[in-house]
N, C-alpha and C. Protein backbone atom coordinates (compact mmCIF):
# COMPACT_ATOMS: atom_id res chain seq x y z
N MET A 1 0.82 -1.09 -0.28
CA MET A 1 0.37 0.01 0.11
C MET A 1 0.64 1.46 0.08
N GLY A 2 0.40 2.70 -0.53
CA GLY A 2 1.46 3.47 -0.63
C GLY A 2 0.93 4.12 0.49
N THR A 3 1.76 5.58 0.46
CA THR A 3 1.53 6.54 1.57
C THR A 3 0.57 7.47 1.31
N ARG A 4 -0.06 7.58 2.61
CA ARG A 4 -1.52 8.16 2.71
C ARG A 4 -0.83 9.56 2.44
N ASP A 5 -1.81 10.78 1.41
CA ASP A 5 -1.20 11.99 1.50
C ASP A 5 -2.13 12.86 2.43
N TYR A 6 -3.01 12.22 2.93
CA TYR A 6 -4.14 13.46 3.80
C TYR A 6 -4.54 12.38 4.80
N GLN A 7 -5.17 12.89 5.69
CA GLN A 7 -6.27 12.21 6.68
C GLN A 7 -7.14 12.73 6.82
N PHE A 8 -8.28 12.83 6.87
CA PHE A 8 -9.66 12.97 6.73
C PHE A 8 -10.14 12.62 8.04
N THR A 9 -11.35 14.01 8.56
CA THR A 9 -11.64 13.47 9.62
C THR A 9 -13.24 13.35 9.46
N THR A 10 -13.97 12.76 10.30
CA THR A 10 -15.30 12.56 9.93
C THR A 10 -16.30 13.41 10.40
N GLY A 11 -15.57 14.55 10.71
CA GLY A 11 -16.44 15.89 11.38
C GLY A 11 -16.04 17.07 10.84
N PRO A 12 -16.88 17.98 11.20
CA PRO A 12 -16.36 19.01 10.54
C PRO A 12 -15.21 19.94 10.86
N GLU A 13 -14.47 18.97 11.29
CA GLU A 13 -12.95 19.60 11.81
C GLU A 13 -12.03 19.74 10.50
N THR A 14 -10.84 20.36 10.42
CA THR A 14 -10.24 20.41 9.48
C THR A 14 -9.54 19.46 9.14
N PRO A 15 -9.26 18.80 7.79
CA PRO A 15 -8.28 17.57 7.84
C PRO A 15 -6.66 18.10 8.18
N LEU A 16 -5.88 16.95 8.83
CA LEU A 16 -4.66 17.44 8.66
C LEU A 16 -3.78 17.15 7.67
N LEU A 17 -3.22 18.33 7.47
CA LEU A 17 -2.77 18.40 6.04
C LEU A 17 -0.81 18.15 6.22
N PRO A 18 -0.22 17.69 5.80
CA PRO A 18 0.88 17.24 5.41
C PRO A 18 1.83 18.54 5.20
N THR A 19 1.75 19.12 4.46
CA THR A 19 2.61 20.52 4.35
C THR A 19 1.47 21.99 4.33
N ALA A 20 1.64 23.04 3.94
CA ALA A 20 0.93 23.83 3.42
C ALA A 20 -0.22 24.67 4.75
N THR A 21 -0.74 25.27 4.51
CA THR A 21 -1.52 26.00 5.86
C THR A 21 -2.77 25.19 5.52
N ALA A 22 -3.44 25.19 6.73
CA ALA A 22 -4.61 24.19 6.47
C ALA A 22 -5.42 25.30 5.95
N PRO A 23 -6.64 24.96 5.10
CA PRO A 23 -7.83 25.39 4.59
C PRO A 23 -8.71 26.19 5.64
N THR A 24 -9.24 27.33 5.47
CA THR A 24 -10.33 27.87 6.52
C THR A 24 -11.75 28.24 5.90
N GLY A 25 -12.14 27.57 4.57
CA GLY A 25 -12.87 27.81 4.44
C GLY A 25 -13.48 27.03 3.22
N ALA A 26 -14.59 26.85 2.61
CA ALA A 26 -15.17 26.04 1.84
C ALA A 26 -14.12 26.24 0.50
N ASP A 27 -14.16 27.53 0.04
CA ASP A 27 -13.20 28.01 -1.02
C ASP A 27 -12.06 27.39 -0.96
N ASP A 28 -11.27 27.30 -0.13
CA ASP A 28 -10.16 27.28 0.07
C ASP A 28 -9.68 25.55 0.09
N PHE A 29 -11.19 24.61 0.44
CA PHE A 29 -10.75 23.34 -0.03
C PHE A 29 -10.69 23.01 -1.59
N VAL A 30 -11.59 23.70 -2.16
CA VAL A 30 -12.02 23.46 -3.88
C VAL A 30 -10.65 24.42 -4.29
N THR A 31 -10.41 25.28 -4.05
CA THR A 31 -8.82 26.13 -4.74
C THR A 31 -7.98 24.90 -4.22
N LEU A 32 -7.35 24.71 -2.94
CA LEU A 32 -6.54 23.51 -2.65
C LEU A 32 -6.64 22.46 -3.02
N GLY A 33 -7.51 21.80 -3.50
CA GLY A 33 -7.79 20.18 -4.02
C GLY A 33 -8.72 19.51 -3.15
N TYR A 34 -8.90 19.86 -1.89
CA TYR A 34 -8.97 19.31 -0.49
C TYR A 34 -10.59 18.76 -0.82
N VAL A 35 -10.87 17.49 -0.70
CA VAL A 35 -12.56 17.37 -0.17
C VAL A 35 -12.70 16.44 0.84
N GLN A 36 -13.68 16.88 1.40
CA GLN A 36 -13.97 16.32 2.87
C GLN A 36 -15.74 16.15 2.64
N ALA A 37 -16.10 15.11 3.21
CA ALA A 37 -17.81 15.26 2.61
C ALA A 37 -18.62 16.17 3.89
N ASN A 38 -17.93 15.91 5.02
CA ASN A 38 -18.71 16.31 6.03
C ASN A 38 -18.09 17.52 6.52
N PHE A 39 -17.38 18.37 5.85
CA PHE A 39 -16.71 19.78 6.17
C PHE A 39 -18.16 20.76 5.98
N ILE A 40 -18.25 21.80 7.10
CA ILE A 40 -19.25 22.55 7.22
C ILE A 40 -18.61 24.26 7.18
N PRO A 41 -18.61 24.43 6.44
CA PRO A 41 -18.27 25.91 6.27
C PRO A 41 -18.95 27.08 7.28
N SER A 42 -18.07 27.99 7.76
CA SER A 42 -18.81 28.99 8.75
C SER A 42 -19.59 29.39 8.26
N GLY A 43 -21.11 29.71 9.17
CA GLY A 43 -22.10 30.38 8.54
C GLY A 43 -23.13 29.25 8.03
N GLY A 44 -23.01 27.98 8.07
CA GLY A 44 -24.08 27.16 7.46
C GLY A 44 -23.54 26.36 6.43
N GLY A 45 -24.64 25.65 5.94
CA GLY A 45 -23.99 24.84 4.81
C GLY A 45 -23.54 23.28 5.21
N GLY A 46 -23.41 22.56 4.23
CA GLY A 46 -22.78 21.07 3.91
C GLY A 46 -24.46 20.25 4.33
N GLY A 47 -24.36 20.04 5.67
CA GLY A 47 -25.44 19.07 5.51
C GLY A 47 -26.64 19.40 5.32
N GLU A 48 -28.07 18.28 5.42
CA GLU A 48 -29.27 18.24 5.71
C GLU A 48 -29.87 18.94 6.84
N ASN A 49 -30.56 20.01 6.63
CA ASN A 49 -31.47 20.58 8.29
C ASN A 49 -32.55 20.77 7.56
N GLN A 50 -33.19 20.72 8.59
CA GLN A 50 -34.92 20.83 8.96
C GLN A 50 -35.77 22.15 9.65
N GLY A 51 -36.49 22.12 9.51
CA GLY A 51 -37.27 23.13 9.74
C GLY A 51 -38.88 22.97 9.99
N THR A 52 -39.66 23.97 10.55
CA THR A 52 -40.87 23.79 10.54
C THR A 52 -41.92 24.80 9.29
N ILE A 53 -42.63 24.57 8.56
CA ILE A 53 -43.57 25.40 7.84
C ILE A 53 -44.80 25.61 8.27
N ASP A 54 -45.03 26.41 9.07
CA ASP A 54 -46.28 26.43 9.66
C ASP A 54 -47.42 27.08 8.34
N ASP A 55 -48.60 27.35 8.80
CA ASP A 55 -49.29 27.60 7.55
C ASP A 55 -49.56 29.90 7.70
N ALA A 56 -48.52 29.63 7.05
CA ALA A 56 -48.17 31.41 7.09
C ALA A 56 -48.67 32.16 6.06
N ALA A 57 -49.59 33.08 6.26
CA ALA A 57 -50.41 34.04 5.05
C ALA A 57 -49.37 35.42 5.28
N SER A 58 -48.35 35.61 6.34
CA SER A 58 -47.46 36.55 6.24
C SER A 58 -46.38 35.89 5.96
N LEU A 59 -45.08 36.72 5.85
CA LEU A 59 -43.88 36.77 5.61
C LEU A 59 -43.17 35.75 7.07
N THR A 60 -43.05 34.71 7.09
CA THR A 60 -42.29 34.28 8.34
C THR A 60 -40.97 33.57 7.90
N ASP A 61 -39.95 33.88 9.21
CA ASP A 61 -38.34 33.69 8.92
C ASP A 61 -38.05 31.82 8.74
N LEU A 62 -37.50 31.29 8.38
CA LEU A 62 -37.52 30.08 7.95
C LEU A 62 -35.67 29.95 9.40
N SER A 63 -36.01 29.75 10.26
CA SER A 63 -34.78 29.55 10.85
C SER A 63 -33.33 29.01 10.78
N GLY A 64 -32.72 29.55 10.65
CA GLY A 64 -31.06 28.82 10.66
C GLY A 64 -30.58 28.89 8.82
N LEU A 65 -31.83 29.81 7.91
CA LEU A 65 -30.99 29.78 6.76
C LEU A 65 -31.13 31.42 6.22
N LEU A 66 -29.70 31.35 6.81
CA LEU A 66 -29.46 32.83 6.34
C LEU A 66 -28.08 33.00 5.41
N PHE A 67 -28.01 33.88 4.67
CA PHE A 67 -26.89 34.08 3.59
C PHE A 67 -26.86 35.29 3.65
N ASP A 68 -25.07 35.73 4.09
CA ASP A 68 -24.35 37.30 4.31
C ASP A 68 -24.01 37.67 2.58
N LYS A 69 -24.83 38.85 2.34
CA LYS A 69 -24.48 39.45 1.18
C LYS A 69 -23.15 40.12 0.92
N ASP A 70 -22.76 39.95 2.05
CA ASP A 70 -21.23 40.93 1.53
C ASP A 70 -20.06 39.25 1.50
N LEU A 71 -20.82 38.42 1.93
CA LEU A 71 -20.13 37.29 1.54
C LEU A 71 -20.25 36.01 -0.16
N TYR A 72 -21.68 36.16 -0.17
CA TYR A 72 -22.28 35.84 -1.22
C TYR A 72 -23.14 36.27 -2.21
N ARG A 73 -22.94 36.08 -3.40
CA ARG A 73 -23.64 36.71 -4.66
C ARG A 73 -24.79 35.93 -4.93
N GLN A 74 -24.68 34.65 -5.12
CA GLN A 74 -25.53 33.90 -5.95
C GLN A 74 -26.04 32.02 -4.65
N VAL A 75 -26.86 31.74 -4.39
CA VAL A 75 -26.84 30.61 -3.41
C VAL A 75 -28.10 29.62 -4.18
N LYS A 76 -27.70 28.22 -3.95
CA LYS A 76 -28.67 27.49 -4.60
C LYS A 76 -28.91 26.16 -3.06
N VAL A 77 -29.97 26.12 -3.03
CA VAL A 77 -30.50 25.24 -1.90
C VAL A 77 -31.61 24.35 -2.51
N GLU A 78 -31.21 22.82 -2.47
CA GLU A 78 -32.85 21.73 -2.31
C GLU A 78 -33.46 21.81 -1.15
N TYR A 79 -34.65 21.39 -1.52
CA TYR A 79 -35.52 21.22 -0.64
C TYR A 79 -36.29 19.89 -0.68
N THR A 80 -37.01 19.27 0.52
CA THR A 80 -38.10 18.71 0.63
C THR A 80 -39.00 19.33 1.73
N ILE A 81 -40.19 19.55 1.19
CA ILE A 81 -41.48 19.91 1.79
C ILE A 81 -42.56 19.15 2.04
N GLU A 82 -43.15 18.78 3.50
CA GLU A 82 -43.94 17.99 3.72
C GLU A 82 -45.14 18.76 4.26
N ARG A 83 -46.16 18.79 4.01
CA ARG A 83 -47.64 19.37 4.64
C ARG A 83 -48.78 18.67 4.85
N ARG A 84 -49.23 18.30 5.90
CA ARG A 84 -49.95 17.69 5.49
C ARG A 84 -51.50 17.98 6.89
N ASN A 85 -52.63 17.33 6.96
CA ASN A 85 -53.52 17.67 7.91
C ASN A 85 -54.08 16.55 8.03
N ASP A 86 -55.29 16.19 8.77
CA ASP A 86 -55.99 14.67 8.94
C ASP A 86 -56.74 14.00 7.73
N THR A 87 -56.52 15.26 6.84
CA THR A 87 -57.39 14.73 5.29
C THR A 87 -57.21 14.94 4.13
N PHE A 88 -55.55 15.51 4.08
CA PHE A 88 -54.80 15.98 2.90
C PHE A 88 -53.33 16.13 3.48
N GLY A 89 -52.58 16.05 1.78
CA GLY A 89 -51.27 15.97 2.67
C GLY A 89 -50.58 16.57 1.12
N LYS A 90 -49.59 16.75 1.35
CA LYS A 90 -48.36 17.06 0.29
C LYS A 90 -47.00 16.84 0.69
N ARG A 91 -46.49 16.64 -0.42
CA ARG A 91 -45.15 15.98 -0.07
C ARG A 91 -44.45 16.62 -1.83
N VAL A 92 -43.47 17.40 -1.62
CA VAL A 92 -42.43 17.65 -2.48
C VAL A 92 -41.85 17.59 -2.58
N GLY A 93 -40.57 17.94 -3.75
CA GLY A 93 -39.04 18.48 -3.56
C GLY A 93 -38.69 19.48 -4.42
N GLY A 94 -37.88 20.34 -4.32
CA GLY A 94 -37.43 21.67 -5.08
C GLY A 94 -36.46 22.42 -5.00
N MET A 95 -36.28 23.32 -5.25
CA MET A 95 -35.11 23.92 -5.73
C MET A 95 -35.10 25.27 -5.36
N LEU A 96 -34.41 26.43 -4.11
CA LEU A 96 -34.57 27.79 -4.42
C LEU A 96 -33.46 28.10 -4.68
N MET A 97 -33.44 29.19 -5.95
CA MET A 97 -32.45 29.60 -6.40
C MET A 97 -32.10 31.22 -6.22
N ALA A 98 -31.23 31.92 -5.35
CA ALA A 98 -31.10 33.38 -5.29
C ALA A 98 -30.02 34.20 -5.44
N PHE A 99 -30.15 35.44 -6.08
CA PHE A 99 -28.98 36.15 -6.68
C PHE A 99 -29.19 37.47 -6.15
N TYR A 100 -28.31 37.78 -5.53
CA TYR A 100 -27.88 39.31 -4.56
C TYR A 100 -27.72 40.37 -5.52
N GLU A 101 -28.48 41.00 -5.96
CA GLU A 101 -28.29 42.36 -6.49
C GLU A 101 -27.78 43.55 -6.19
N GLN A 102 -26.87 44.02 -6.07
CA GLN A 102 -26.05 44.89 -5.40
C GLN A 102 -26.40 46.25 -5.69
N VAL A 103 -26.94 46.54 -7.10
CA VAL A 103 -27.54 48.13 -7.18
C VAL A 103 -28.72 48.50 -6.54
N SER A 104 -29.36 47.48 -6.84
CA SER A 104 -30.96 47.57 -5.66
C SER A 104 -31.29 46.94 -3.93
N ASP A 105 -29.98 46.24 -3.85
CA ASP A 105 -29.40 45.80 -2.66
C ASP A 105 -30.82 45.15 -2.07
N THR A 106 -30.91 43.86 -3.24
CA THR A 106 -32.34 42.90 -2.91
C THR A 106 -31.74 41.42 -3.46
N TRP A 107 -32.44 40.51 -3.17
CA TRP A 107 -32.47 38.95 -3.21
C TRP A 107 -33.22 39.12 -4.35
N ILE A 108 -32.75 38.84 -5.94
CA ILE A 108 -34.02 38.18 -6.52
C ILE A 108 -33.74 36.33 -6.25
N VAL A 109 -35.12 36.04 -6.19
CA VAL A 109 -35.40 34.65 -5.66
C VAL A 109 -36.00 33.67 -6.48
N SER A 110 -36.17 32.77 -6.84
CA SER A 110 -37.27 31.75 -6.89
C SER A 110 -36.98 30.14 -6.82
N ASN A 111 -37.99 29.89 -6.84
CA ASN A 111 -38.09 28.31 -6.49
C ASN A 111 -39.21 27.45 -7.18
N ARG A 112 -38.65 26.64 -7.44
CA ARG A 112 -39.58 25.95 -8.32
C ARG A 112 -39.32 24.45 -7.56
N ASP A 113 -40.76 24.08 -7.52
CA ASP A 113 -40.97 21.99 -6.76
C ASP A 113 -41.24 21.58 -7.82
N TYR A 114 -39.64 20.70 -8.24
CA TYR A 114 -39.97 19.71 -8.97
C TYR A 114 -40.21 18.25 -8.93
N GLY A 115 -40.48 18.14 -7.51
CA GLY A 115 -41.49 16.89 -7.15
C GLY A 115 -42.75 16.91 -6.80
N ALA A 116 -43.82 17.41 -7.55
CA ALA A 116 -45.11 17.23 -7.41
C ALA A 116 -45.93 16.38 -6.80
N ASN A 117 -46.53 16.32 -5.93
CA ASN A 117 -47.43 15.79 -5.79
C ASN A 117 -47.95 14.44 -7.04
N PRO A 118 -48.67 13.25 -6.64
CA PRO A 118 -49.06 12.46 -8.26
C PRO A 118 -50.35 13.25 -8.43
N ASP A 119 -51.17 14.04 -7.73
CA ASP A 119 -51.80 14.62 -8.18
C ASP A 119 -52.06 16.20 -9.04
N GLY A 120 -50.35 16.25 -8.81
CA GLY A 120 -50.17 17.74 -9.66
C GLY A 120 -49.78 18.58 -8.42
N GLU A 121 -50.38 18.87 -7.45
CA GLU A 121 -50.43 19.61 -6.28
C GLU A 121 -48.71 20.28 -6.21
N ALA A 122 -48.69 21.33 -6.20
CA ALA A 122 -47.07 21.76 -5.31
C ALA A 122 -46.88 22.08 -4.24
N SER A 123 -45.91 22.39 -3.29
CA SER A 123 -45.80 22.55 -2.03
C SER A 123 -46.84 23.39 -1.15
N GLY A 124 -47.26 24.69 -1.92
CA GLY A 124 -47.99 26.02 -1.52
C GLY A 124 -47.21 26.69 -1.13
N VAL A 125 -45.44 26.67 -0.96
CA VAL A 125 -44.90 27.51 -0.16
C VAL A 125 -43.87 28.38 -1.29
N ASP A 126 -43.74 29.56 -0.99
CA ASP A 126 -42.98 30.74 -1.82
C ASP A 126 -42.17 31.24 -0.74
N PHE A 127 -40.64 31.19 -1.28
CA PHE A 127 -39.40 31.92 -0.40
C PHE A 127 -39.49 33.33 -0.75
N SER A 128 -38.64 34.30 0.07
CA SER A 128 -38.06 35.11 -0.48
C SER A 128 -36.75 35.46 0.67
N ILE A 129 -35.84 36.34 0.60
CA ILE A 129 -34.97 36.41 1.10
C ILE A 129 -34.94 38.28 1.22
N THR A 130 -35.12 38.96 2.78
CA THR A 130 -34.62 40.20 3.22
C THR A 130 -33.60 40.67 2.77
N THR A 131 -32.98 41.94 2.75
CA THR A 131 -31.77 42.70 2.38
C THR A 131 -30.70 42.42 3.38
N LEU A 132 -30.95 41.55 4.75
CA LEU A 132 -30.00 41.04 5.74
C LEU A 132 -29.52 39.41 5.26
N GLY A 133 -30.59 38.79 3.95
CA GLY A 133 -29.92 37.32 4.12
C GLY A 133 -31.18 36.36 4.47
N GLN A 134 -31.69 36.79 5.58
CA GLN A 134 -33.12 35.83 6.14
C GLN A 134 -33.99 35.49 5.09
N VAL A 135 -33.67 34.14 4.83
CA VAL A 135 -35.03 33.35 4.14
C VAL A 135 -36.03 33.34 4.99
N GLN A 136 -36.96 33.94 4.38
CA GLN A 136 -38.44 33.95 4.68
C GLN A 136 -38.98 33.14 3.56
N TYR A 137 -40.69 32.68 4.20
CA TYR A 137 -41.43 31.99 3.16
C TYR A 137 -42.83 32.57 3.62
N VAL A 138 -43.96 31.96 2.78
CA VAL A 138 -45.60 32.21 2.88
C VAL A 138 -45.75 30.91 2.46
N SER A 139 -47.32 30.21 3.15
CA SER A 139 -47.67 29.22 2.58
C SER A 139 -49.32 29.43 2.14
N ASP A 140 -49.63 28.67 1.75
CA ASP A 140 -51.16 28.85 0.99
C ASP A 140 -51.76 28.30 2.50
N ALA A 141 -52.96 27.84 2.46
CA ALA A 141 -54.21 27.92 4.18
C ALA A 141 -54.28 26.50 4.02
N LEU A 142 -53.49 25.70 3.80
CA LEU A 142 -53.78 24.70 3.91
C LEU A 142 -54.51 23.82 5.26
N GLY A 143 -53.59 24.66 6.44
CA GLY A 143 -54.68 23.94 8.01
C GLY A 143 -55.25 22.98 7.76
N GLY A 144 -55.98 22.99 8.45
CA GLY A 144 -56.81 22.06 9.32
C GLY A 144 -56.41 20.93 10.55
N PRO A 145 -57.58 19.88 10.83
CA PRO A 145 -56.95 19.12 12.16
C PRO A 145 -55.56 18.58 11.83
N ASN A 146 -54.66 18.94 13.16
CA ASN A 146 -53.57 18.17 13.35
C ASN A 146 -52.43 18.73 12.08
N TYR A 147 -52.61 19.59 11.72
CA TYR A 147 -51.72 20.18 10.76
C TYR A 147 -50.25 19.76 10.88
N VAL A 148 -49.22 19.69 9.92
CA VAL A 148 -48.00 19.35 10.67
C VAL A 148 -47.28 20.06 8.80
N GLY A 149 -46.11 20.53 9.07
CA GLY A 149 -45.51 21.34 8.12
C GLY A 149 -44.11 21.31 8.51
N LYS A 150 -43.74 20.59 7.67
CA LYS A 150 -41.97 20.32 7.64
C LYS A 150 -40.89 20.73 6.33
N ILE A 151 -39.87 21.08 6.45
CA ILE A 151 -39.04 21.59 5.10
C ILE A 151 -37.37 20.40 5.76
N ARG A 152 -37.22 20.30 5.07
CA ARG A 152 -35.66 19.72 4.93
C ARG A 152 -34.58 19.90 4.06
N TYR A 153 -33.49 20.40 4.20
CA TYR A 153 -33.08 21.90 3.34
C TYR A 153 -31.75 21.47 3.05
N GLN A 154 -30.83 21.69 1.76
CA GLN A 154 -29.05 21.17 2.11
C GLN A 154 -28.87 22.49 0.94
N ILE A 155 -27.85 23.30 1.39
CA ILE A 155 -27.35 24.23 1.12
C ILE A 155 -26.86 23.57 -0.41
N ILE A 156 -26.40 23.90 -1.60
CA ILE A 156 -26.19 22.80 -2.47
C ILE A 156 -24.65 23.44 -3.04
N LYS A 157 -25.24 24.88 -3.21
CA LYS A 157 -23.52 25.81 -3.95
C LYS A 157 -23.89 27.29 -3.21
N ARG A 158 -23.05 27.70 -2.51
CA ARG A 158 -22.58 29.50 -2.56
C ARG A 158 -21.99 29.97 -3.22
N PHE A 159 -22.35 31.00 -4.07
CA PHE A 159 -21.02 31.41 -4.96
C PHE A 159 -20.31 32.99 -4.09
N ALA A 160 -19.04 32.65 -4.32
CA ALA A 160 -18.54 33.88 -3.22
C ALA A 160 -18.64 35.37 -4.14
N LYS A 161 -18.80 36.28 -3.61
CA LYS A 161 -18.89 37.61 -4.12
C LYS A 161 -17.36 37.99 -4.41
N GLU A 162 -17.82 38.57 -5.73
CA GLU A 162 -16.36 39.22 -6.42
C GLU A 162 -15.82 40.04 -5.64
N THR A 163 -14.17 40.19 -5.70
CA THR A 163 -13.68 40.73 -5.26
C THR A 163 -12.84 41.88 -5.72
């Protein structure tokens, strides 16, 4: 067996490197050619996260999903949403893509459900992002007895802001 060049850990710790300065963020891993499946860069990302989707007619923060406009110009997030009550349910997958537009100080957001229910129903959830980078949502009025709304999401890509 040959010599191992790198040792990787199983968590978010920085791998032990034989030479050079250890990478400090996701961009360093890409630039330096290092790969670690469980590396979680500062500011979130990496693994799957989950949250609650309430029956929200007004904008509601999606806790834990925040993007810094000073660091990122574009983000891509995949999600699955399940919303149900005693008589009806929706379970779909989708993608949220957002681009920070510096001149107007706004995030331009597009979300699309690509795994609609067999009956063609979409999730009934739309996303937006505040100028501070907080992801918010509104949802249609599914409600009803024993309502449950869940989201699982994973940040797929964050494009760094140009320097």
